[in-house]
PDB file of N, CA and C in Angstrom:
ATOM      1  N   MET A   1     102.609 109.377  99.589  1.00  0.00           N
ATOM      2  CA  MET A   1     102.857 108.460  98.522  1.00  0.00           C
ATOM      3  C   MET A   1     102.309 108.978  97.334  1.00  0.00           C
ATOM      4  N   SER A   2     102.899 108.758  96.198  1.00  0.00           N
ATOM      5  CA  SER A   2     102.353 109.338  94.876  1.00  0.00           C
ATOM      6  C   SER A   2     102.551 108.288  93.854  1.00  0.00           C
ATOM      7  N   GLY A   3     102.005 108.300  92.662  1.00  0.00           N
ATOM      8  CA  GLY A   3     102.093 107.359  91.601  1.00  0.00           C
ATOM      9  C   GLY A   3     100.995 106.425  91.660  1.00  0.00           C
ATOM     10  N   PRO A   4     101.021 105.352  90.788  1.00  0.00           N
ATOM     11  CA  PRO A   4     100.030 104.338  90.632  1.00  0.00           C
ATOM     12  C   PRO A   4      99.631 103.619  91.839  1.00  0.00           C
ATOM     13  N   GLU A   5     100.560 103.566  92.900  1.00  0.00           N
ATOM     14  CA  GLU A   5     100.221 102.737  94.132  1.00  0.00           C
ATOM     15  C   GLU A   5      99.558 103.623  95.158  1.00  0.00           C
ATOM     16  N   ALA A   6      99.417 104.986  95.067  1.00  0.00           N
ATOM     17  CA  ALA A   6      98.901 105.875  95.925  1.00  0.00           C
ATOM     18  C   ALA A   6      97.306 105.573  96.111  1.00  0.00           C
ATOM     19  N   HIS A   7      96.873 105.723  97.379  1.00  0.00           N
ATOM     20  CA  HIS A   7      95.529 105.697  97.561  1.00  0.00           C
ATOM     21  C   HIS A   7      94.840 106.972  97.202  1.00  0.00           C
ATOM     22  N   HIS A   8      93.623 106.818  96.706  1.00  0.00           N
ATOM     23  CA  HIS A   8      92.854 108.039  96.395  1.00  0.00           C
ATOM     24  C   HIS A   8      92.375 108.720  97.737  1.00  0.00           C
ATOM     25  N   GLU A   9      92.348 110.005  97.804  1.00  0.00           N
ATOM     26  CA  GLU A   9      92.043 110.667  99.029  1.00  0.00           C
ATOM     27  C   GLU A   9      90.646 110.257  99.542  1.00  0.00           C
ATOM     28  N   LEU A  10      89.770 109.728  98.731  1.00  0.00           N
ATOM     29  CA  LEU A  10      88.490 109.178  99.308  1.00  0.00           C
ATOM     30  C   LEU A  10      88.449 107.713  99.022  1.00  0.00           C
ATOM     31  N   GLY A  11      89.410 107.012  99.588  1.00  0.00           N
ATOM     32  CA  GLY A  11      89.415 105.647  99.608  1.00  0.00           C
ATOM     33  C   GLY A  11      88.198 105.021 100.302  1.00  0.00           C
ATOM     34  N   PRO A  12      88.014 103.588 100.098  1.00  0.00           N
ATOM     35  CA  PRO A  12      86.828 102.982 100.723  1.00  0.00           C
ATOM     36  C   PRO A  12      86.844 103.210 102.202  1.00  0.00           C
ATOM     37  N   SER A  13      87.892 103.202 102.926  1.00  0.00           N
ATOM     38  CA  SER A  13      87.879 103.216 104.372  1.00  0.00           C
ATOM     39  C   SER A  13      87.411 104.660 104.889  1.00  0.00           C
ATOM     40  N   THR A  14      87.389 105.612 104.061  1.00  0.00           N
ATOM     41  CA  THR A  14      86.885 107.083 104.411  1.00  0.00           C
ATOM     42  C   THR A  14      85.407 107.134 104.001  1.00  0.00           C
ATOM     43  N   LEU A  15      84.816 106.345 103.176  1.00  0.00           N
ATOM     44  CA  LEU A  15      83.467 106.600 102.690  1.00  0.00           C
ATOM     45  C   LEU A  15      82.481 106.830 103.837  1.00  0.00           C
ATOM     46  N   LYS A  16      82.674 105.982 104.899  1.00  0.00           N
ATOM     47  CA  LYS A  16      81.677 106.195 106.124  1.00  0.00           C
ATOM     48  C   LYS A  16      81.658 107.652 106.696  1.00  0.00           C
ATOM     49  N   ASN A  17      82.833 108.208 106.618  1.00  0.00           N
ATOM     50  CA  ASN A  17      83.004 109.554 107.099  1.00  0.00           C
ATOM     51  C   ASN A  17      82.460 110.518 106.045  1.00  0.00           C
ATOM     52  N   VAL A  18      82.649 110.304 104.840  1.00  0.00           N
ATOM     53  CA  VAL A  18      82.073 111.175 103.797  1.00  0.00           C
ATOM     54  C   VAL A  18      80.484 111.188 103.787  1.00  0.00           C
ATOM     55  N   GLU A  19      80.043 110.107 104.014  1.00  0.00           N
ATOM     56  CA  GLU A  19      78.476 109.878 104.189  1.00  0.00           C
ATOM     57  C   GLU A  19      77.953 110.850 105.229  1.00  0.00           C
ATOM     58  N   VAL A  20      78.596 110.859 106.317  1.00  0.00           N
ATOM     59  CA  VAL A  20      78.242 111.612 107.486  1.00  0.00           C
ATOM     60  C   VAL A  20      78.552 113.160 107.215  1.00  0.00           C
ATOM     61  N   CYS A  21      79.656 113.457 106.636  1.00  0.00           N
ATOM     62  CA  CYS A  21      80.031 114.821 106.357  1.00  0.00           C
ATOM     63  C   CYS A  21      80.633 114.823 104.989  1.00  0.00           C
ATOM     64  N   PRO A  22      79.974 115.217 103.953  1.00  0.00           N
ATOM     65  CA  PRO A  22      80.400 115.234 102.622  1.00  0.00           C
ATOM     66  C   PRO A  22      81.716 116.021 102.365  1.00  0.00           C
ATOM     67  N   GLY A  23      82.175 117.026 103.258  1.00  0.00           N
ATOM     68  CA  GLY A  23      83.385 117.773 103.163  1.00  0.00           C
ATOM     69  C   GLY A  23      84.487 117.058 103.730  1.00  0.00           C
ATOM     70  N   PHE A  24      84.271 115.861 104.390  1.00  0.00           N
ATOM     71  CA  PHE A  24      85.399 115.264 105.092  1.00  0.00           C
ATOM     72  C   PHE A  24      86.514 114.930 104.046  1.00  0.00           C
ATOM     73  N   ARG A  25      87.744 115.081 104.621  1.00  0.00           N
ATOM     74  CA  ARG A  25      88.892 114.646 103.851  1.00  0.00           C
ATOM     75  C   ARG A  25      89.897 114.159 104.996  1.00  0.00           C
ATOM     76  N   SER A  26      90.531 113.014 104.813  1.00  0.00           N
ATOM     77  CA  SER A  26      91.308 112.436 105.821  1.00  0.00           C
ATOM     78  C   SER A  26      92.704 113.079 105.800  1.00  0.00           C
ATOM     79  N   ALA A  27      93.393 112.999 106.750  1.00  0.00           N
ATOM     80  CA  ALA A  27      94.767 113.661 106.929  1.00  0.00           C
ATOM     81  C   ALA A  27      95.679 112.810 105.971  1.00  0.00           C
ATOM     82  N   SER A  28      96.479 113.513 105.171  1.00  0.00           N
ATOM     83  CA  SER A  28      97.246 112.700 104.169  1.00  0.00           C
ATOM     84  C   SER A  28      98.724 112.747 104.633  1.00  0.00           C
ATOM     85  N   GLU A  29      99.007 113.394 105.763  1.00  0.00           N
ATOM     86  CA  GLU A  29     100.419 113.462 106.191  1.00  0.00           C
ATOM     87  C   GLU A  29     100.859 112.090 106.691  1.00  0.00           C
ATOM     88  N   GLU A  30     102.179 111.770 106.343  1.00  0.00           N
ATOM     89  CA  GLU A  30     102.666 110.516 106.843  1.00  0.00           C
ATOM     90  C   GLU A  30     103.164 110.662 108.318  1.00  0.00           C
ATOM     91  N   ASN A  31     103.014 109.557 108.983  1.00  0.00           N
ATOM     92  CA  ASN A  31     103.595 109.467 110.338  1.00  0.00           C
ATOM     93  C   ASN A  31     104.200 108.117 110.542  1.00  0.00           C
ATOM     94  N   VAL A  32     104.550 107.750 111.785  1.00  0.00           N
ATOM     95  CA  VAL A  32     105.173 106.437 111.968  1.00  0.00           C
ATOM     96  C   VAL A  32     104.148 105.299 111.847  1.00  0.00           C
ATOM     97  N   PHE A  33     102.869 105.621 112.060  1.00  0.00           N
ATOM     98  CA  PHE A  33     101.959 104.575 111.896  1.00  0.00           C
ATOM     99  C   PHE A  33     101.556 104.316 110.481  1.00  0.00           C
ATOM    100  N   THR A  34     101.393 105.380 109.726  1.00  0.00           N
ATOM    101  CA  THR A  34     101.060 105.115 108.348  1.00  0.00           C
ATOM    102  C   THR A  34     102.251 104.541 107.563  1.00  0.00           C
ATOM    103  N   ILE A  35     103.507 105.018 107.919  1.00  0.00           N
ATOM    104  CA  ILE A  35     104.593 104.368 107.197  1.00  0.00           C
ATOM    105  C   ILE A  35     104.688 102.875 107.523  1.00  0.00           C
ATOM    106  N   GLU A  36     104.602 102.597 108.865  1.00  0.00           N
ATOM    107  CA  GLU A  36     104.603 101.116 109.279  1.00  0.00           C
ATOM    108  C   GLU A  36     103.561 100.291 108.527  1.00  0.00           C
ATOM    109  N   GLY A  37     102.197 100.820 108.625  1.00  0.00           N
ATOM    110  CA  GLY A  37     101.209 100.099 107.880  1.00  0.00           C
ATOM    111  C   GLY A  37     101.299  99.961 106.482  1.00  0.00           C
ATOM    112  N   THR A  38     101.821 100.855 105.834  1.00  0.00           N
ATOM    113  CA  THR A  38     102.023 100.903 104.316  1.00  0.00           C
ATOM    114  C   THR A  38     103.088  99.811 104.012  1.00  0.00           C
ATOM    115  N   LYS A  39     104.151  99.833 104.923  1.00  0.00           N
ATOM    116  CA  LYS A  39     105.161  98.796 104.774  1.00  0.00           C
ATOM    117  C   LYS A  39     104.637  97.349 104.905  1.00  0.00           C
ATOM    118  N   MET A  40     103.933  97.133 105.941  1.00  0.00           N
ATOM    119  CA  MET A  40     103.361  95.760 106.324  1.00  0.00           C
ATOM    120  C   MET A  40     102.332  95.446 105.146  1.00  0.00           C
ATOM    121  N   HIS A  41     101.549  96.360 104.733  1.00  0.00           N
ATOM    122  CA  HIS A  41     100.544  96.027 103.609  1.00  0.00           C
ATOM    123  C   HIS A  41     101.295  95.664 102.383  1.00  0.00           C
ATOM    124  N   GLU A  42     102.255  96.373 102.069  1.00  0.00           N
ATOM    125  CA  GLU A  42     103.103  96.070 100.882  1.00  0.00           C
ATOM    126  C   GLU A  42     103.684  94.592 101.041  1.00  0.00           C
ATOM    127  N   ALA A  43     104.276  94.257 102.254  1.00  0.00           N
ATOM    128  CA  ALA A  43     104.856  93.002 102.400  1.00  0.00           C
ATOM    129  C   ALA A  43     103.712  91.839 102.170  1.00  0.00           C
ATOM    130  N   ALA A  44     102.623  92.127 102.732  1.00  0.00           N
ATOM    131  CA  ALA A  44     101.534  91.046 102.715  1.00  0.00           C
ATOM    132  C   ALA A  44     101.111  90.909 101.191  1.00  0.00           C
ATOM    133  N   GLU A  45     101.108  92.005 100.486  1.00  0.00           N
ATOM    134  CA  GLU A  45     100.701  91.945  99.067  1.00  0.00           C
ATOM    135  C   GLU A  45     101.696  91.350  98.156  1.00  0.00           C
ATOM    136  N   THR A  46     102.980  91.515  98.426  1.00  0.00           N
ATOM    137  CA  THR A  46     104.089  91.210  97.576  1.00  0.00           C
ATOM    138  C   THR A  46     104.763  89.851  97.971  1.00  0.00           C
ATOM    139  N   GLY A  47     104.716  89.615  99.260  1.00  0.00           N
ATOM    140  CA  GLY A  47     105.444  88.534  99.773  1.00  0.00           C
ATOM    141  C   GLY A  47     106.930  88.858 100.112  1.00  0.00           C
ATOM    142  N   ASN A  48     107.277  90.166  99.979  1.00  0.00           N
ATOM    143  CA  ASN A  48     108.631  90.602 100.214  1.00  0.00           C
ATOM    144  C   ASN A  48     108.691  91.037 101.760  1.00  0.00           C
ATOM    145  N   PHE A  49     109.191  90.396 102.483  1.00  0.00           N
ATOM    146  CA  PHE A  49     109.246  90.586 104.025  1.00  0.00           C
ATOM    147  C   PHE A  49     110.544  91.433 104.445  1.00  0.00           C
ATOM    148  N   GLU A  50     111.306  91.870 103.446  1.00  0.00           N
ATOM    149  CA  GLU A  50     112.634  92.446 103.699  1.00  0.00           C
ATOM    150  C   GLU A  50     112.321  93.682 104.470  1.00  0.00           C
ATOM    151  N   GLY A  51     113.086  94.164 105.527  1.00  0.00           N
ATOM    152  CA  GLY A  51     112.894  95.342 106.209  1.00  0.00           C
ATOM    153  C   GLY A  51     111.884  95.398 107.299  1.00  0.00           C
ATOM    154  N   LEU A  52     111.171  94.113 107.573  1.00  0.00           N
ATOM    155  CA  LEU A  52     110.169  94.088 108.538  1.00  0.00           C
ATOM    156  C   LEU A  52     110.891  93.551 109.855  1.00  0.00           C
ATOM    157  N   ASP A  53     110.508  94.159 111.002  1.00  0.00           N
ATOM    158  CA  ASP A  53     111.067  93.683 112.260  1.00  0.00           C
ATOM    159  C   ASP A  53     110.289  92.340 112.764  1.00  0.00           C
ATOM    160  N   GLU A  54     110.673  91.768 113.703  1.00  0.00           N
ATOM    161  CA  GLU A  54     110.203  90.417 114.173  1.00  0.00           C
ATOM    162  C   GLU A  54     108.605  90.590 114.461  1.00  0.00           C
ATOM    163  N   GLU A  55     108.180  91.690 115.102  1.00  0.00           N
ATOM    164  CA  GLU A  55     106.773  91.881 115.477  1.00  0.00           C
ATOM    165  C   GLU A  55     106.001  92.113 114.148  1.00  0.00           C
ATOM    166  N   GLN A  56     106.431  92.907 113.339  1.00  0.00           N
ATOM    167  CA  GLN A  56     105.674  93.285 112.065  1.00  0.00           C
ATOM    168  C   GLN A  56     105.625  92.008 111.236  1.00  0.00           C
ATOM    169  N   LEU A  57     106.710  91.170 111.048  1.00  0.00           N
ATOM    170  CA  LEU A  57     106.622  89.985 110.340  1.00  0.00           C
ATOM    171  C   LEU A  57     105.534  88.952 110.972  1.00  0.00           C
ATOM    172  N   ALA A  58     105.546  88.800 112.206  1.00  0.00           N
ATOM    173  CA  ALA A  58     104.527  88.010 112.900  1.00  0.00           C
ATOM    174  C   ALA A  58     103.157  88.519 112.529  1.00  0.00           C
ATOM    175  N   MET A  59     102.897  89.826 112.584  1.00  0.00           N
ATOM    176  CA  MET A  59     101.564  90.282 112.233  1.00  0.00           C
ATOM    177  C   MET A  59     101.162  89.995 110.795  1.00  0.00           C
ATOM    178  N   VAL A  60     102.088  90.298 109.932  1.00  0.00           N
ATOM    179  CA  VAL A  60     101.889  89.958 108.421  1.00  0.00           C
ATOM    180  C   VAL A  60     101.564  88.509 108.211  1.00  0.00           C
ATOM    181  N   LYS A  61     102.356  87.731 108.847  1.00  0.00           N
ATOM    182  CA  LYS A  61     102.264  86.247 108.685  1.00  0.00           C
ATOM    183  C   LYS A  61     100.809  85.790 109.169  1.00  0.00           C
ATOM    184  N   LYS A  62     100.532  86.384 110.340  1.00  0.00           N
ATOM    185  CA  LYS A  62      99.074  86.057 110.835  1.00  0.00           C
ATOM    186  C   LYS A  62      98.056  86.410 109.849  1.00  0.00           C
ATOM    187  N   VAL A  63      98.183  87.570 109.308  1.00  0.00           N
ATOM    188  CA  VAL A  63      97.186  87.963 108.333  1.00  0.00           C
ATOM    189  C   VAL A  63      97.160  87.085 107.167  1.00  0.00           C
ATOM    190  N   LEU A  64      98.377  86.679 106.665  1.00  0.00           N
ATOM    191  CA  LEU A  64      98.533  85.782 105.501  1.00  0.00           C
ATOM    192  C   LEU A  64      97.922  84.304 105.785  1.00  0.00           C
ATOM    193  N   ASP A  65      98.260  83.957 107.046  1.00  0.00           N
ATOM    194  CA  ASP A  65      97.633  82.600 107.517  1.00  0.00           C
ATOM    195  C   ASP A  65      96.084  82.617 107.426  1.00  0.00           C
ATOM    196  N   TYR A  66      95.612  83.702 108.020  1.00  0.00           N
ATOM    197  CA  TYR A  66      94.138  83.749 108.037  1.00  0.00           C
ATOM    198  C   TYR A  66      93.464  83.858 106.546  1.00  0.00           C
ATOM    199  N   ARG A  67      94.110  84.697 105.796  1.00  0.00           N
ATOM    200  CA  ARG A  67      93.720  84.638 104.286  1.00  0.00           C
ATOM    201  C   ARG A  67      93.739  83.240 103.755  1.00  0.00           C
ATOM    202  N   ASP A  68      94.874  82.543 103.982  1.00  0.00           N
ATOM    203  CA  ASP A  68      94.970  81.213 103.352  1.00  0.00           C
ATOM    204  C   ASP A  68      94.073  80.239 103.902  1.00  0.00           C
ATOM    205  N   SER A  69      93.552  80.430 105.246  1.00  0.00           N
ATOM    206  CA  SER A  69      92.575  79.507 105.794  1.00  0.00           C
ATOM    207  C   SER A  69      91.188  79.730 105.178  1.00  0.00           C
ATOM    208  N   LEU A  70      90.983  80.805 104.544  1.00  0.00           N
ATOM    209  CA  LEU A  70      89.715  81.064 103.881  1.00  0.00           C
ATOM    210  C   LEU A  70      89.698  80.525 102.426  1.00  0.00           C
ATOM    211  N   MET A  71      90.829  80.183 101.898  1.00  0.00           N
ATOM    212  CA  MET A  71      90.921  79.707 100.565  1.00  0.00           C
ATOM    213  C   MET A  71      90.433  78.286 100.426  1.00  0.00           C
ATOM    214  N   THR A  72      89.779  78.089  99.396  1.00  0.00           N
ATOM    215  CA  THR A  72      89.335  76.703  98.993  1.00  0.00           C
ATOM    216  C   THR A  72      89.876  76.294  97.734  1.00  0.00           C
ATOM    217  N   GLU A  73      89.688  75.128  97.373  1.00  0.00           N
ATOM    218  CA  GLU A  73      90.159  74.665  95.963  1.00  0.00           C
ATOM    219  C   GLU A  73      89.626  75.469  94.855  1.00  0.00           C
ATOM    220  N   ASN A  74      88.501  76.015  94.989  1.00  0.00           N
ATOM    221  CA  ASN A  74      87.880  76.863  93.877  1.00  0.00           C
ATOM    222  C   ASN A  74      87.992  78.298  94.110  1.00  0.00           C
ATOM    223  N   SER A  75      88.728  78.718  95.125  1.00  0.00           N
ATOM    224  CA  SER A  75      88.928  80.184  95.505  1.00  0.00           C
ATOM    225  C   SER A  75      89.912  80.776  94.532  1.00  0.00           C
ATOM    226  N   LYS A  76      89.541  82.086  94.233  1.00  0.00           N
ATOM    227  CA  LYS A  76      90.428  82.840  93.382  1.00  0.00           C
ATOM    228  C   LYS A  76      90.821  84.111  94.250  1.00  0.00           C
ATOM    229  N   LEU A  77      92.229  84.255  94.274  1.00  0.00           N
ATOM    230  CA  LEU A  77      92.715  85.382  95.089  1.00  0.00           C
ATOM    231  C   LEU A  77      92.605  86.637  94.218  1.00  0.00           C
ATOM    232  N   MET A  78      91.960  87.552  94.788  1.00  0.00           N
ATOM    233  CA  MET A  78      91.773  88.817  93.936  1.00  0.00           C
ATOM    234  C   MET A  78      92.567  90.024  94.853  1.00  0.00           C
ATOM    235  N   LEU A  79      93.556  90.628  94.218  1.00  0.00           N
ATOM    236  CA  LEU A  79      94.238  91.600  94.947  1.00  0.00           C
ATOM    237  C   LEU A  79      93.541  92.939  94.780  1.00  0.00           C
ATOM    238  N   GLU A  80      93.911  93.929  95.515  1.00  0.00           N
ATOM    239  CA  GLU A  80      93.258  95.261  95.332  1.00  0.00           C
ATOM    240  C   GLU A  80      93.238  95.708  93.795  1.00  0.00           C
ATOM    241  N   GLN A  81      92.166  96.329  93.483  1.00  0.00           N
ATOM    242  CA  GLN A  81      92.157  96.854  92.050  1.00  0.00           C
ATOM    243  C   GLN A  81      91.843  98.298  92.154  1.00  0.00           C
ATOM    244  N   ARG A  82      92.495  99.135  91.431  1.00  0.00           N
ATOM    245  CA  ARG A  82      92.194 100.574  91.318  1.00  0.00           C
ATOM    246  C   ARG A  82      90.958 100.774  90.622  1.00  0.00           C
ATOM    247  N   VAL A  83      90.030 101.588  91.246  1.00  0.00           N
ATOM    248  CA  VAL A  83      88.790 101.994  90.539  1.00  0.00           C
ATOM    249  C   VAL A  83      88.785 103.513  90.596  1.00  0.00           C
ATOM    250  N   HIS A  84      87.982 104.153  89.649  1.00  0.00           N
ATOM    251  CA  HIS A  84      87.833 105.462  89.665  1.00  0.00           C
ATOM    252  C   HIS A  84      86.283 105.877  89.998  1.00  0.00           C
ATOM    253  N   ILE A  85      86.168 106.719  90.908  1.00  0.00           N
ATOM    254  CA  ILE A  85      84.761 107.056  91.404  1.00  0.00           C
ATOM    255  C   ILE A  85      84.764 108.585  91.225  1.00  0.00           C
ATOM    256  N   THR A  86      83.695 108.976  90.568  1.00  0.00           N
ATOM    257  CA  THR A  86      83.455 110.422  90.509  1.00  0.00           C
ATOM    258  C   THR A  86      82.262 110.837  91.348  1.00  0.00           C
ATOM    259  N   LEU A  87      82.562 111.737  92.280  1.00  0.00           N
ATOM    260  CA  LEU A  87      81.475 112.169  93.214  1.00  0.00           C
ATOM    261  C   LEU A  87      80.835 113.454  92.572  1.00  0.00           C
TER     262      LEU A  87
END
């Protein structure tokens, strides 16, 4: 993935690995799992469920139901924000 939606090679989910090994870099190649995960993540973020199969749709809806259960009258939904980190 490239462009403004692309994840940085040192995204938050990799920081625990970088802490243990500063030279760590995650594999950036796409595979069936990363493609499916990206598709489901995008569906949850945008509300566009086109192209999801029945199982994927059920998982995304479960995530959204859980998110909604945490919301209160005073809650503010904050989507991912791009930040720049210099190491």
